[in-house]
Amino acid sequence: MTFIITNDDGINAPGIRALWEAVNNTGLPLLSVEQSIIVAPQGQLSGCGHQVTTRIPINIQTLSEVEYAIAGTPADCTRIALKHICQNIKWVLSGINSGGNMGVDVYISGTVAAVREAAFHRIPGIALSQYRQGKKPVNWERVTRLAKIVLADLLTRPLESGAFWNVNFPYLEAEAPDPKMVFCELSNQPLPVAYEIEEEDACYIGKYEERDRHPGTDVDVCFGGNIAITKIQV
């Protein structure tokens, strides 16, 4: 059986390499005999939501026996993996996204759309994202280590048909202790949206860090320094 790894940041993004490392080195016996295949967009498609391509051909570049670059969206990647590349997919894993995907982000995120598409077909999935504070760099080595811990837990938990996990890692300073895994609810509050007008152009300047932090929601958990894990049913 096969694990499909995808994202919305593009096949060359550091986050998908971190996820590949985490998947193939969790230490779980059940994963040691599995095959992992990357089926990811050729370029950056962050924020594309659940867009799919139906009116034009989708180019598929076979980079190796386990790596395919798709000229389509994350949802396209899942569809093509299911219908063209693999016959026996066990999980679809998406990420690790450079930026949070909490609360109402799940409707906007291509990262989440990839696993939601899998859930439509009754294949379980996990979307993983790394919240960023402004332009501060991501310590991908640490994120990879935390992802191994999370995957070792979630891949052994029962998951209802048509459901998937959404994981958000907090931003951590180098000296901060490792975060806890917290199972929580999605925030249902809107994003803070603002634009800067330059002549006839509107430039988005929404401030993600100013989101509503209702206690117990994924936004509050992640902003508070812990790993927010939500279960979503399609």
Protein backbone atom coordinates (compact mmCIF):
# COMPACT_ATOMS: atom_id res chain seq x y z
CA MET A 1 0.00 0.00 0.00
CA THR A 2 1.13 3.53 -0.79
CA PHE A 3 1.45 6.87 0.98
CA ILE A 4 0.96 9.89 -1.29
CA ILE A 5 2.82 13.06 -0.27
CA THR A 6 1.75 16.38 -1.75
CA ASN A 7 1.53 20.11 -0.92
CA ASP A 8 0.59 23.51 -2.34
CA ASP A 9 4.01 25.20 -2.05
CA GLY A 10 5.41 23.24 -4.98
CA ILE A 11 7.47 20.10 -5.39
CA ASN A 12 10.75 21.89 -4.61
CA ALA A 13 9.56 23.48 -1.35
CA PRO A 14 11.53 22.63 1.82
CA GLY A 15 8.34 21.64 3.63
CA ILE A 16 7.59 18.68 1.37
CA ARG A 17 11.15 17.43 1.83
CA ALA A 18 10.66 17.68 5.59
CA LEU A 19 7.43 15.67 5.29
CA TRP A 20 9.12 13.05 3.13
CA GLU A 21 11.83 12.68 5.78
CA ALA A 22 9.26 12.45 8.57
CA VAL A 23 7.12 9.86 6.77
CA ASN A 24 10.03 7.62 5.91
CA ASN A 25 11.70 7.85 9.32
CA THR A 26 8.91 7.70 11.91
CA GLY A 27 10.19 4.36 13.16
CA LEU A 28 6.75 2.77 12.94
CA PRO A 29 6.87 -0.89 11.89
CA LEU A 30 3.70 -0.42 9.84
CA LEU A 31 5.47 2.20 7.73
CA SER A 32 8.67 0.26 7.14
CA VAL A 33 7.11 -1.78 4.33
CA GLU A 34 5.06 1.01 2.78
CA GLN A 35 5.89 2.91 -0.39
CA SER A 36 5.91 6.71 -0.33
CA ILE A 37 5.36 8.66 -3.54
CA ILE A 38 5.52 12.43 -4.03
CA VAL A 39 2.81 13.77 -6.33
CA ALA A 40 3.02 17.54 -6.02
CA PRO A 41 2.42 20.74 -8.02
CA GLN A 42 5.18 21.96 -10.28
CA GLY A 43 4.98 25.45 -8.77
CA GLN A 44 3.66 27.60 -5.93
CA LEU A 45 -0.14 27.41 -5.50
CA SER A 46 -0.64 28.60 -1.95
CA GLY A 47 -4.20 29.69 -1.24
CA CYS A 48 -5.73 28.03 -4.30
CA GLY A 49 -8.35 26.21 -2.23
CA HIS A 50 -10.11 23.23 -3.80
CA GLN A 51 -9.68 24.40 -7.38
CA VAL A 52 -9.52 21.57 -9.91
CA THR A 53 -8.51 21.49 -13.58
CA THR A 54 -11.05 20.06 -16.02
CA ARG A 55 -10.86 22.11 -19.25
CA ILE A 56 -7.19 21.89 -20.20
CA PRO A 57 -4.63 19.04 -20.17
CA ILE A 58 -2.55 18.60 -17.01
CA ASN A 59 1.13 17.98 -17.69
CA ILE A 60 2.71 15.17 -15.63
CA GLN A 61 6.50 15.13 -15.29
CA THR A 62 7.88 11.81 -14.05
CA LEU A 63 11.00 12.80 -12.15
CA SER A 64 11.70 9.32 -10.72
CA GLU A 65 9.87 6.14 -9.76
CA VAL A 66 8.61 7.90 -6.63
CA GLU A 67 8.30 11.55 -7.69
CA TYR A 68 5.82 13.22 -10.01
CA ALA A 69 5.53 16.97 -10.72
CA ILE A 70 2.01 17.95 -11.73
CA ALA A 71 1.05 21.12 -13.63
CA GLY A 72 -2.13 21.35 -11.61
CA THR A 73 -3.52 22.11 -8.17
CA PRO A 74 -3.10 20.08 -4.97
CA ALA A 75 -6.59 18.62 -5.48
CA ASP A 76 -5.54 17.69 -9.04
CA CYS A 77 -2.48 15.95 -7.59
CA THR A 78 -4.64 13.79 -5.35
CA ARG A 79 -7.03 12.97 -8.20
CA ILE A 80 -4.22 12.02 -10.57
CA ALA A 81 -2.50 9.95 -7.88
CA LEU A 82 -5.75 8.06 -7.23
CA LYS A 83 -6.74 7.50 -10.84
CA HIS A 84 -3.45 7.31 -12.73
CA ILE A 85 -0.40 6.71 -10.54
CA CYS A 86 -1.47 4.37 -7.72
CA GLN A 87 -4.11 1.72 -7.19
CA ASN A 88 -3.83 1.04 -3.48
CA ILE A 89 -3.37 4.32 -1.61
CA LYS A 90 -3.50 4.05 2.17
CA TRP A 91 -2.98 7.71 3.18
CA VAL A 92 -2.64 11.12 1.55
CA LEU A 93 -0.34 13.47 3.47
CA SER A 94 -0.03 17.14 2.54
CA GLY A 95 2.54 19.74 3.58
CA ILE A 96 4.43 20.72 5.47
CA ASN A 97 3.01 24.09 4.49
CA SER A 98 5.06 27.23 5.08
CA GLY A 99 2.37 29.15 6.96
CA GLY A 100 -0.56 28.26 9.19
CA ASN A 101 -3.80 26.68 8.03
CA MET A 102 -6.14 27.11 10.96
CA GLY A 103 -9.87 27.69 11.29
CA VAL A 104 -11.45 29.11 8.15
CA ASP A 105 -8.11 28.67 6.36
CA VAL A 106 -9.26 25.12 5.59
CA TYR A 107 -11.56 26.56 2.91
CA ILE A 108 -8.74 28.58 1.33
CA SER A 109 -5.79 26.25 1.69
CA GLY A 110 -4.53 24.08 -1.15
CA THR A 111 -2.66 22.04 1.45
CA VAL A 112 -5.92 21.09 3.14
CA ALA A 113 -7.77 20.65 -0.18
CA ALA A 114 -5.41 17.82 -1.16
CA VAL A 115 -6.44 15.71 1.84
CA ARG A 116 -10.10 16.78 1.64
CA GLU A 117 -10.15 15.44 -1.94
CA ALA A 118 -8.79 12.16 -0.56
CA ALA A 119 -11.50 12.15 2.10
CA PHE A 120 -14.14 12.54 -0.64
CA HIS A 121 -12.88 9.17 -1.92
CA ARG A 122 -12.86 7.68 1.60
CA ILE A 123 -9.06 7.71 1.88
CA PRO A 124 -7.71 9.12 5.15
CA GLY A 125 -5.36 12.08 5.13
CA ILE A 126 -3.32 14.48 7.23
CA ALA A 127 -2.62 18.12 6.35
CA LEU A 128 0.39 19.61 8.14
CA SER A 129 1.31 23.29 8.33
CA GLN A 130 3.94 25.40 10.09
CA TYR A 131 2.69 28.73 11.46
CA ARG A 132 5.14 31.55 10.76
CA GLN A 133 5.64 34.81 12.62
CA GLY A 134 6.20 37.39 9.94
CA LYS A 135 9.35 36.68 7.97
CA LYS A 136 11.14 34.76 10.70
CA PRO A 137 12.85 31.66 9.26
CA VAL A 138 11.52 28.15 9.82
CA ASN A 139 13.71 25.58 11.56
CA TRP A 140 12.76 22.73 9.23
CA GLU A 141 14.98 20.26 11.08
CA ARG A 142 12.96 20.79 14.25
CA VAL A 143 9.66 20.74 12.37
CA THR A 144 10.65 17.41 10.80
CA ARG A 145 11.36 15.95 14.23
CA LEU A 146 8.00 17.16 15.56
CA ALA A 147 6.22 15.85 12.46
CA LYS A 148 7.65 12.37 13.14
CA ILE A 149 6.10 12.46 16.62
CA VAL A 150 2.74 13.63 15.31
CA LEU A 151 2.63 11.08 12.48
CA ALA A 152 3.61 8.24 14.81
CA ASP A 153 0.51 9.10 16.83
CA LEU A 154 -2.06 10.00 14.17
CA LEU A 155 -1.28 7.15 11.78
CA THR A 156 -2.22 4.66 14.47
CA ARG A 157 -5.47 6.34 15.54
CA PRO A 158 -8.80 5.19 14.12
CA LEU A 159 -10.31 7.70 11.69
CA GLU A 160 -13.88 7.68 10.47
CA SER A 161 -14.58 7.29 6.77
CA GLY A 162 -14.58 10.69 5.09
CA ALA A 163 -12.53 12.37 7.82
CA PHE A 164 -9.01 13.81 7.94
CA TRP A 165 -6.62 15.45 10.38
CA ASN A 166 -5.45 19.06 10.19
CA VAL A 167 -2.19 19.80 12.04
CA ASN A 168 -0.63 23.19 12.77
CA PHE A 169 2.83 23.49 14.31
CA PRO A 170 3.50 26.65 16.35
CA TYR A 171 6.30 29.09 15.74
CA LEU A 172 9.00 28.36 18.33
CA GLU A 173 12.05 30.30 19.36
CA ALA A 174 15.23 28.22 19.41
CA GLU A 175 15.29 28.01 23.21
CA ALA A 176 11.60 27.12 23.58
CA PRO A 177 10.74 23.63 24.84
CA ASP A 178 9.04 21.18 22.52
CA PRO A 179 5.29 21.78 22.26
CA LYS A 180 2.49 19.45 23.32
CA MET A 181 -0.04 17.91 20.94
CA VAL A 182 -3.49 19.38 21.66
CA PHE A 183 -6.66 18.04 20.04
CA CYS A 184 -9.00 20.99 19.61
CA GLU A 185 -11.77 22.61 17.59
CA LEU A 186 -11.48 24.72 14.44
CA SER A 187 -11.90 28.44 14.91
CA ASN A 188 -14.97 29.74 13.07
CA GLN A 189 -13.97 33.41 13.16
CA PRO A 190 -13.09 35.33 9.97
CA LEU A 191 -9.59 36.30 8.99
CA PRO A 192 -8.57 39.94 9.58
CA VAL A 193 -8.70 41.27 6.02
CA ALA A 194 -7.21 44.60 4.91
CA TYR A 195 -5.88 46.12 1.69
CA GLU A 196 -3.53 48.92 0.78
CA ILE A 197 -4.78 50.85 -2.23
CA GLU A 198 -2.16 51.92 -4.77
CA GLU A 199 -3.83 53.84 -7.61
CA GLU A 200 -6.12 51.20 -9.15
CA ASP A 201 -4.59 48.23 -7.32
CA ALA A 202 -5.64 46.70 -3.99
CA CYS A 203 -2.75 44.96 -2.22
CA TYR A 204 -3.65 42.48 0.52
CA ILE A 205 -2.07 43.31 3.90
CA GLY A 206 -4.21 41.19 6.23
CA LYS A 207 -2.46 40.61 9.57
CA TYR A 208 -2.64 36.90 10.32
CA GLU A 209 -1.26 37.30 13.84
CA GLU A 210 -4.28 39.45 14.79
CA ARG A 211 -6.76 36.59 14.38
CA ASP A 212 -9.40 35.94 17.03
CA ARG A 213 -8.03 33.63 19.74
CA HIS A 214 -11.15 32.13 21.27
CA PRO A 215 -9.98 29.72 24.01
CA GLY A 216 -9.81 26.09 22.97
CA THR A 217 -9.69 26.72 19.23
CA ASP A 218 -6.83 25.72 16.96
CA VAL A 219 -5.79 29.36 16.55
CA ASP A 220 -5.47 29.82 20.31
CA VAL A 221 -3.62 26.51 20.77
CA CYS A 222 -1.12 27.16 17.97
CA PHE A 223 -0.56 30.83 18.84
CA GLY A 224 -0.04 29.69 22.44
CA GLY A 225 2.93 27.53 21.43
CA ASN A 226 1.43 24.06 21.07
CA ILE A 227 0.62 21.74 18.16
CA ALA A 228 -3.03 22.20 17.20
CA ILE A 229 -4.73 19.08 15.86
CA THR A 230 -8.27 19.10 14.55
CA LYS A 231 -10.35 16.34 13.00
CA ILE A 232 -12.50 17.41 10.07
CA GLN A 233 -15.37 15.42 8.59
CA VAL A 234 -16.39 16.14 4.97
